[in-house]
PDB file of N, CA and C in Angstrom:
ATOM      1  N   UNK A   1     -18.637 -69.709   1.154  1.00  0.00           N
ATOM      2  CA  UNK A   1     -17.901 -69.089   0.086  1.00  0.00           C
ATOM      3  C   UNK A   1     -16.771 -70.136   0.961  1.00  0.00           C
ATOM      4  N   UNK A   2     -16.031 -69.762   0.642  1.00  0.00           N
ATOM      5  CA  UNK A   2     -14.018 -70.548   1.620  1.00  0.00           C
ATOM      6  C   UNK A   2     -14.046 -69.617   1.736  1.00  0.00           C
ATOM      7  N   UNK A   3     -13.218 -69.591   3.521  1.00  0.00           N
ATOM      8  CA  UNK A   3     -12.544 -68.813   3.641  1.00  0.00           C
ATOM      9  C   UNK A   3     -11.188 -69.280   3.953  1.00  0.00           C
ATOM     10  N   UNK A   4     -11.042 -67.922   3.239  1.00  0.00           N
ATOM     11  CA  UNK A   4      -8.835 -68.103   3.152  1.00  0.00           C
ATOM     12  C   UNK A   4      -8.227 -67.508   4.269  1.00  0.00           C
ATOM     13  N   UNK A   5      -7.215 -68.934   5.200  1.00  0.00           N
ATOM     14  CA  UNK A   5      -6.033 -68.526   6.401  1.00  0.00           C
ATOM     15  C   UNK A   5      -5.274 -68.527   5.666  1.00  0.00           C
ATOM     16  N   UNK A   6      -4.331 -67.041   5.582  1.00  0.00           N
ATOM     17  CA  UNK A   6      -2.854 -66.720   4.916  1.00  0.00           C
ATOM     18  C   UNK A   6      -2.842 -66.460   6.176  1.00  0.00           C
ATOM     19  N   UNK A   7      -1.576 -67.417   6.256  1.00  0.00           N
ATOM     20  CA  UNK A   7      -0.114 -66.536   7.422  1.00  0.00           C
ATOM     21  C   UNK A   7       1.403 -65.527   6.479  1.00  0.00           C
ATOM     22  N   UNK A   8       0.622 -64.200   7.443  1.00  0.00           N
ATOM     23  CA  UNK A   8       1.323 -63.084   6.281  1.00  0.00           C
ATOM     24  C   UNK A   8       3.260 -63.184   6.380  1.00  0.00           C
ATOM     25  N   UNK A   9       3.702 -64.077   7.479  1.00  0.00           N
ATOM     26  CA  UNK A   9       4.763 -64.386   7.384  1.00  0.00           C
ATOM     27  C   UNK A   9       5.195 -65.938   6.485  1.00  0.00           C
ATOM     28  N   UNK A  10       4.861 -66.331   5.635  1.00  0.00           N
ATOM     29  CA  UNK A  10       4.812 -67.335   5.159  1.00  0.00           C
ATOM     30  C   UNK A  10       3.815 -67.806   3.970  1.00  0.00           C
ATOM     31  N   UNK A  11       3.924 -66.645   3.166  1.00  0.00           N
ATOM     32  CA  UNK A  11       2.754 -66.513   1.807  1.00  0.00           C
ATOM     33  C   UNK A  11       3.806 -65.866   1.090  1.00  0.00           C
ATOM     34  N   UNK A  12       3.213 -66.660   0.036  1.00  0.00           N
ATOM     35  CA  UNK A  12       3.935 -66.345  -1.371  1.00  0.00           C
ATOM     36  C   UNK A  12       3.048 -65.555  -2.304  1.00  0.00           C
ATOM     37  N   UNK A  13       3.972 -64.747  -3.275  1.00  0.00           N
ATOM     38  CA  UNK A  13       3.145 -63.879  -4.625  1.00  0.00           C
ATOM     39  C   UNK A  13       2.196 -64.489  -4.849  1.00  0.00           C
ATOM     40  N   UNK A  14       2.801 -66.221  -5.174  1.00  0.00           N
ATOM     41  CA  UNK A  14       1.538 -66.918  -6.683  1.00  0.00           C
ATOM     42  C   UNK A  14       0.113 -67.267  -5.208  1.00  0.00           C
ATOM     43  N   UNK A  15       0.963 -67.676  -4.153  1.00  0.00           N
ATOM     44  CA  UNK A  15      -0.797 -67.714  -3.248  1.00  0.00           C
ATOM     45  C   UNK A  15      -1.631 -66.971  -2.649  1.00  0.00           C
ATOM     46  N   UNK A  16      -0.747 -65.153  -2.813  1.00  0.00           N
ATOM     47  CA  UNK A  16      -1.531 -64.016  -2.929  1.00  0.00           C
ATOM     48  C   UNK A  16      -3.068 -63.501  -4.031  1.00  0.00           C
ATOM     49  N   UNK A  17      -1.679 -63.811  -4.834  1.00  0.00           N
ATOM     50  CA  UNK A  17      -2.896 -63.976  -6.304  1.00  0.00           C
ATOM     51  C   UNK A  17      -4.054 -64.996  -6.529  1.00  0.00           C
ATOM     52  N   UNK A  18      -3.442 -66.251  -6.576  1.00  0.00           N
ATOM     53  CA  UNK A  18      -4.144 -67.418  -6.541  1.00  0.00           C
ATOM     54  C   UNK A  18      -5.367 -67.174  -5.326  1.00  0.00           C
ATOM     55  N   UNK A  19      -5.754 -66.255  -4.615  1.00  0.00           N
ATOM     56  CA  UNK A  19      -6.570 -66.461  -3.166  1.00  0.00           C
ATOM     57  C   UNK A  19      -7.456 -65.211  -3.636  1.00  0.00           C
ATOM     58  N   UNK A  20      -6.489 -63.679  -4.980  1.00  0.00           N
ATOM     59  CA  UNK A  20      -7.754 -62.916  -5.318  1.00  0.00           C
ATOM     60  C   UNK A  20      -8.082 -63.675  -6.213  1.00  0.00           C
ATOM     61  N   UNK A  21      -7.639 -64.439  -7.028  1.00  0.00           N
ATOM     62  CA  UNK A  21      -8.251 -64.492  -8.317  1.00  0.00           C
ATOM     63  C   UNK A  21      -9.795 -65.344  -7.338  1.00  0.00           C
ATOM     64  N   UNK A  22      -9.346 -66.072  -6.886  1.00  0.00           N
ATOM     65  CA  UNK A  22     -10.514 -67.645  -6.338  1.00  0.00           C
ATOM     66  C   UNK A  22     -11.289 -66.285  -5.765  1.00  0.00           C
ATOM     67  N   UNK A  23     -11.510 -64.791  -5.139  1.00  0.00           N
ATOM     68  CA  UNK A  23     -12.585 -64.632  -4.929  1.00  0.00           C
ATOM     69  C   UNK A  23     -13.446 -63.837  -5.727  1.00  0.00           C
ATOM     70  N   UNK A  24     -12.727 -63.644  -6.812  1.00  0.00           N
ATOM     71  CA  UNK A  24     -13.587 -62.897  -7.978  1.00  0.00           C
ATOM     72  C   UNK A  24     -13.070 -61.919  -8.193  1.00  0.00           C
ATOM     73  N   UNK A  25     -11.698 -61.479  -7.541  1.00  0.00           N
ATOM     74  CA  UNK A  25     -11.478 -60.380  -8.630  1.00  0.00           C
ATOM     75  C   UNK A  25     -10.768 -60.696  -9.534  1.00  0.00           C
ATOM     76  N   UNK A  26     -10.366 -59.344 -10.187  1.00  0.00           N
ATOM     77  CA  UNK A  26      -9.444 -59.594 -11.637  1.00  0.00           C
ATOM     78  C   UNK A  26      -8.667 -58.815 -11.492  1.00  0.00           C
ATOM     79  N   UNK A  27      -7.028 -59.459 -11.966  1.00  0.00           N
ATOM     80  CA  UNK A  27      -5.738 -59.507 -12.131  1.00  0.00           C
ATOM     81  C   UNK A  27      -5.230 -58.903 -13.509  1.00  0.00           C
ATOM     82  N   UNK A  28      -4.487 -57.920 -12.989  1.00  0.00           N
ATOM     83  CA  UNK A  28      -3.586 -57.973 -14.470  1.00  0.00           C
ATOM     84  C   UNK A  28      -1.984 -57.422 -14.415  1.00  0.00           C
ATOM     85  N   UNK A  29      -1.323 -57.778 -14.814  1.00  0.00           N
ATOM     86  CA  UNK A  29       0.090 -58.027 -14.882  1.00  0.00           C
ATOM     87  C   UNK A  29       1.076 -56.459 -14.838  1.00  0.00           C
ATOM     88  N   UNK A  30       1.793 -55.759 -14.331  1.00  0.00           N
ATOM     89  CA  UNK A  30       2.262 -55.111 -14.164  1.00  0.00           C
ATOM     90  C   UNK A  30       4.479 -55.979 -14.794  1.00  0.00           C
ATOM     91  N   UNK A  31       4.981 -54.752 -14.836  1.00  0.00           N
ATOM     92  CA  UNK A  31       6.856 -55.537 -15.139  1.00  0.00           C
ATOM     93  C   UNK A  31       6.733 -55.592 -13.690  1.00  0.00           C
ATOM     94  N   UNK A  32       7.050 -54.861 -12.088  1.00  0.00           N
ATOM     95  CA  UNK A  32       7.170 -55.752 -11.352  1.00  0.00           C
ATOM     96  C   UNK A  32       6.291 -56.876 -10.074  1.00  0.00           C
ATOM     97  N   UNK A  33       5.025 -56.129 -10.563  1.00  0.00           N
ATOM     98  CA  UNK A  33       3.902 -56.231  -9.525  1.00  0.00           C
ATOM     99  C   UNK A  33       2.872 -56.977 -10.480  1.00  0.00           C
ATOM    100  N   UNK A  34       1.590 -57.356  -9.277  1.00  0.00           N
ATOM    101  CA  UNK A  34      -0.111 -57.549  -9.697  1.00  0.00           C
ATOM    102  C   UNK A  34      -0.460 -56.625  -9.529  1.00  0.00           C
ATOM    103  N   UNK A  35      -1.491 -56.637 -10.893  1.00  0.00           N
ATOM    104  CA  UNK A  35      -2.469 -54.718  -9.813  1.00  0.00           C
ATOM    105  C   UNK A  35      -3.794 -55.978  -9.908  1.00  0.00           C
ATOM    106  N   UNK A  36      -4.369 -55.729  -8.144  1.00  0.00           N
ATOM    107  CA  UNK A  36      -5.501 -56.097  -8.104  1.00  0.00           C
ATOM    108  C   UNK A  36      -6.858 -56.033  -8.457  1.00  0.00           C
ATOM    109  N   UNK A  37      -7.826 -55.528  -9.105  1.00  0.00           N
ATOM    110  CA  UNK A  37      -8.870 -54.874  -9.232  1.00  0.00           C
ATOM    111  C   UNK A  37      -9.812 -55.180  -8.627  1.00  0.00           C
ATOM    112  N   UNK A  38     -11.401 -55.149  -7.960  1.00  0.00           N
ATOM    113  CA  UNK A  38     -12.812 -55.268  -8.265  1.00  0.00           C
ATOM    114  C   UNK A  38     -13.214 -55.533 -10.158  1.00  0.00           C
ATOM    115  N   UNK A  39     -14.270 -56.914  -9.777  1.00  0.00           N
ATOM    116  CA  UNK A  39     -14.545 -56.631 -11.321  1.00  0.00           C
ATOM    117  C   UNK A  39     -15.055 -55.603 -11.429  1.00  0.00           C
ATOM    118  N   UNK A  40     -15.408 -53.950 -11.476  1.00  0.00           N
ATOM    119  CA  UNK A  40     -16.139 -52.880 -11.463  1.00  0.00           C
ATOM    120  C   UNK A  40     -14.822 -52.130 -12.126  1.00  0.00           C
ATOM    121  N   UNK A  41     -13.669 -52.626 -11.545  1.00  0.00           N
ATOM    122  CA  UNK A  41     -12.466 -52.214 -12.201  1.00  0.00           C
ATOM    123  C   UNK A  41     -11.763 -50.758 -11.241  1.00  0.00           C
ATOM    124  N   UNK A  42     -12.156 -51.422  -9.837  1.00  0.00           N
ATOM    125  CA  UNK A  42     -11.972 -49.977  -8.938  1.00  0.00           C
ATOM    126  C   UNK A  42     -10.781 -50.754  -8.066  1.00  0.00           C
ATOM    127  N   UNK A  43      -9.614 -50.389  -8.289  1.00  0.00           N
ATOM    128  CA  UNK A  43      -8.314 -50.816  -7.851  1.00  0.00           C
ATOM    129  C   UNK A  43      -8.306 -50.950  -6.560  1.00  0.00           C
ATOM    130  N   UNK A  44      -7.756 -51.912  -6.103  1.00  0.00           N
ATOM    131  CA  UNK A  44      -7.732 -52.531  -4.712  1.00  0.00           C
ATOM    132  C   UNK A  44      -6.112 -52.421  -3.856  1.00  0.00           C
ATOM    133  N   UNK A  45      -5.401 -53.117  -4.465  1.00  0.00           N
ATOM    134  CA  UNK A  45      -4.094 -53.718  -4.296  1.00  0.00           C
ATOM    135  C   UNK A  45      -3.106 -53.860  -5.332  1.00  0.00           C
ATOM    136  N   UNK A  46      -1.959 -53.581  -5.483  1.00  0.00           N
ATOM    137  CA  UNK A  46      -0.837 -54.415  -5.632  1.00  0.00           C
ATOM    138  C   UNK A  46       0.025 -55.808  -4.809  1.00  0.00           C
ATOM    139  N   UNK A  47      -0.193 -56.675  -5.854  1.00  0.00           N
ATOM    140  CA  UNK A  47       1.398 -57.677  -4.802  1.00  0.00           C
ATOM    141  C   UNK A  47       2.631 -57.818  -5.353  1.00  0.00           C
ATOM    142  N   UNK A  48       3.555 -57.704  -4.902  1.00  0.00           N
ATOM    143  CA  UNK A  48       4.854 -57.538  -5.950  1.00  0.00           C
ATOM    144  C   UNK A  48       5.152 -58.989  -5.985  1.00  0.00           C
ATOM    145  N   UNK A  49       5.869 -59.338  -7.122  1.00  0.00           N
ATOM    146  CA  UNK A  49       6.425 -60.448  -7.552  1.00  0.00           C
ATOM    147  C   UNK A  49       7.244 -61.045  -7.393  1.00  0.00           C
ATOM    148  N   UNK A  50       8.181 -61.083  -5.964  1.00  0.00           N
ATOM    149  CA  UNK A  50       9.564 -61.410  -6.147  1.00  0.00           C
ATOM    150  C   UNK A  50       8.767 -61.925  -3.532  1.00  0.00           C
ATOM    151  N   UNK A  51       9.948 -62.989  -3.815  1.00  0.00           N
ATOM    152  CA  UNK A  51       9.557 -63.312  -2.915  1.00  0.00           C
ATOM    153  C   UNK A  51      10.965 -63.921  -1.763  1.00  0.00           C
ATOM    154  N   UNK A  52      11.096 -63.504  -0.601  1.00  0.00           N
ATOM    155  CA  UNK A  52       9.018 -64.142   0.000  1.00  0.00           C
ATOM    156  C   UNK A  52       9.269 -62.272   0.236  1.00  0.00           C
ATOM    157  N   UNK A  53       7.611 -61.969   0.671  1.00  0.00           N
ATOM    158  CA  UNK A  53       7.444 -61.331   0.965  1.00  0.00           C
ATOM    159  C   UNK A  53       7.609 -61.144   2.356  1.00  0.00           C
ATOM    160  N   UNK A  54       7.574 -59.123   2.701  1.00  0.00           N
ATOM    161  CA  UNK A  54       7.474 -59.286   3.672  1.00  0.00           C
ATOM    162  C   UNK A  54       6.141 -59.350   4.734  1.00  0.00           C
ATOM    163  N   UNK A  55       5.896 -59.704   5.801  1.00  0.00           N
ATOM    164  CA  UNK A  55       5.245 -59.970   6.633  1.00  0.00           C
ATOM    165  C   UNK A  55       4.110 -58.742   6.285  1.00  0.00           C
ATOM    166  N   UNK A  56       4.605 -57.905   6.930  1.00  0.00           N
ATOM    167  CA  UNK A  56       3.899 -56.560   6.567  1.00  0.00           C
ATOM    168  C   UNK A  56       3.744 -55.895   5.502  1.00  0.00           C
ATOM    169  N   UNK A  57       3.611 -56.134   4.836  1.00  0.00           N
ATOM    170  CA  UNK A  57       3.442 -55.961   2.694  1.00  0.00           C
ATOM    171  C   UNK A  57       1.950 -57.483   3.471  1.00  0.00           C
ATOM    172  N   UNK A  58       2.493 -58.128   3.298  1.00  0.00           N
ATOM    173  CA  UNK A  58       1.507 -59.854   3.331  1.00  0.00           C
ATOM    174  C   UNK A  58       0.104 -59.061   4.148  1.00  0.00           C
ATOM    175  N   UNK A  59       0.333 -58.523   4.793  1.00  0.00           N
ATOM    176  CA  UNK A  59      -0.366 -58.510   5.713  1.00  0.00           C
ATOM    177  C   UNK A  59      -1.044 -56.741   5.373  1.00  0.00           C
ATOM    178  N   UNK A  60      -0.807 -56.478   4.988  1.00  0.00           N
ATOM    179  CA  UNK A  60      -1.419 -54.829   4.063  1.00  0.00           C
ATOM    180  C   UNK A  60      -1.841 -55.252   2.428  1.00  0.00           C
ATOM    181  N   UNK A  61      -1.822 -56.080   2.247  1.00  0.00           N
ATOM    182  CA  UNK A  61      -2.732 -57.094   1.250  1.00  0.00           C
ATOM    183  C   UNK A  61      -4.088 -57.592   1.004  1.00  0.00           C
ATOM    184  N   UNK A  62      -3.973 -58.477   2.257  1.00  0.00           N
ATOM    185  CA  UNK A  62      -5.010 -59.135   3.044  1.00  0.00           C
ATOM    186  C   UNK A  62      -6.080 -58.448   3.444  1.00  0.00           C
ATOM    187  N   UNK A  63      -5.641 -57.017   4.418  1.00  0.00           N
ATOM    188  CA  UNK A  63      -5.973 -56.499   4.898  1.00  0.00           C
ATOM    189  C   UNK A  63      -6.665 -55.675   3.376  1.00  0.00           C
ATOM    190  N   UNK A  64      -6.463 -55.039   2.631  1.00  0.00           N
ATOM    191  CA  UNK A  64      -7.313 -54.516   0.847  1.00  0.00           C
ATOM    192  C   UNK A  64      -7.947 -55.546   0.972  1.00  0.00           C
ATOM    193  N   UNK A  65      -8.096 -56.174   0.680  1.00  0.00           N
ATOM    194  CA  UNK A  65      -8.735 -57.441   0.019  1.00  0.00           C
ATOM    195  C   UNK A  65     -10.107 -57.335   0.394  1.00  0.00           C
ATOM    196  N   UNK A  66      -9.639 -57.628   2.147  1.00  0.00           N
ATOM    197  CA  UNK A  66     -10.482 -57.984   3.279  1.00  0.00           C
ATOM    198  C   UNK A  66     -11.310 -56.461   3.471  1.00  0.00           C
ATOM    199  N   UNK A  67     -10.971 -55.343   2.699  1.00  0.00           N
ATOM    200  CA  UNK A  67     -11.160 -54.161   3.651  1.00  0.00           C
ATOM    201  C   UNK A  67     -12.922 -54.190   2.049  1.00  0.00           C
ATOM    202  N   UNK A  68     -12.263 -54.428   0.820  1.00  0.00           N
ATOM    203  CA  UNK A  68     -13.006 -54.827  -0.608  1.00  0.00           C
ATOM    204  C   UNK A  68     -13.619 -56.289  -1.065  1.00  0.00           C
ATOM    205  N   UNK A  69     -14.590 -57.344   0.321  1.00  0.00           N
ATOM    206  CA  UNK A  69     -15.769 -57.866   0.720  1.00  0.00           C
ATOM    207  C   UNK A  69     -14.562 -59.568   0.840  1.00  0.00           C
ATOM    208  N   UNK A  70     -13.654 -59.588   0.479  1.00  0.00           N
ATOM    209  CA  UNK A  70     -12.868 -60.524   0.849  1.00  0.00           C
ATOM    210  C   UNK A  70     -13.088 -61.280   1.506  1.00  0.00           C
ATOM    211  N   UNK A  71     -12.310 -62.958   2.184  1.00  0.00           N
ATOM    212  CA  UNK A  71     -12.925 -64.025   2.736  1.00  0.00           C
ATOM    213  C   UNK A  71     -11.757 -64.151   3.583  1.00  0.00           C
ATOM    214  N   UNK A  72     -11.400 -62.820   4.219  1.00  0.00           N
ATOM    215  CA  UNK A  72      -9.446 -63.603   4.061  1.00  0.00           C
ATOM    216  C   UNK A  72      -9.179 -63.405   5.875  1.00  0.00           C
ATOM    217  N   UNK A  73      -9.195 -64.472   6.103  1.00  0.00           N
ATOM    218  CA  UNK A  73      -8.469 -64.225   8.217  1.00  0.00           C
ATOM    219  C   UNK A  73      -6.916 -64.722   7.897  1.00  0.00           C
ATOM    220  N   UNK A  74      -6.192 -63.265   8.328  1.00  0.00           N
ATOM    221  CA  UNK A  74      -4.682 -64.203   9.495  1.00  0.00           C
ATOM    222  C   UNK A  74      -4.982 -65.124   9.844  1.00  0.00           C
ATOM    223  N   UNK A  75      -3.319 -65.282   9.837  1.00  0.00           N
ATOM    224  CA  UNK A  75      -3.493 -66.269  11.506  1.00  0.00           C
ATOM    225  C   UNK A  75      -1.919 -66.575  11.240  1.00  0.00           C
TER     226      UNK A  75
END
């Protein structure tokens, strides 16, 4: 499986959604956020649909994906 490298200071919501989808997570569109869940339906995190993302928000999203088995690394 490919390992993704994410720079939290320079990542867009579209990139995080694409990474989550390629890792096999399901995504559901809300009004202002994209909700990320496992295939079993367990909630992982929400990705706000605005740019730029705060680097601490992006870091938290990546850490949530890692905690659920995502092969993502902060760079």
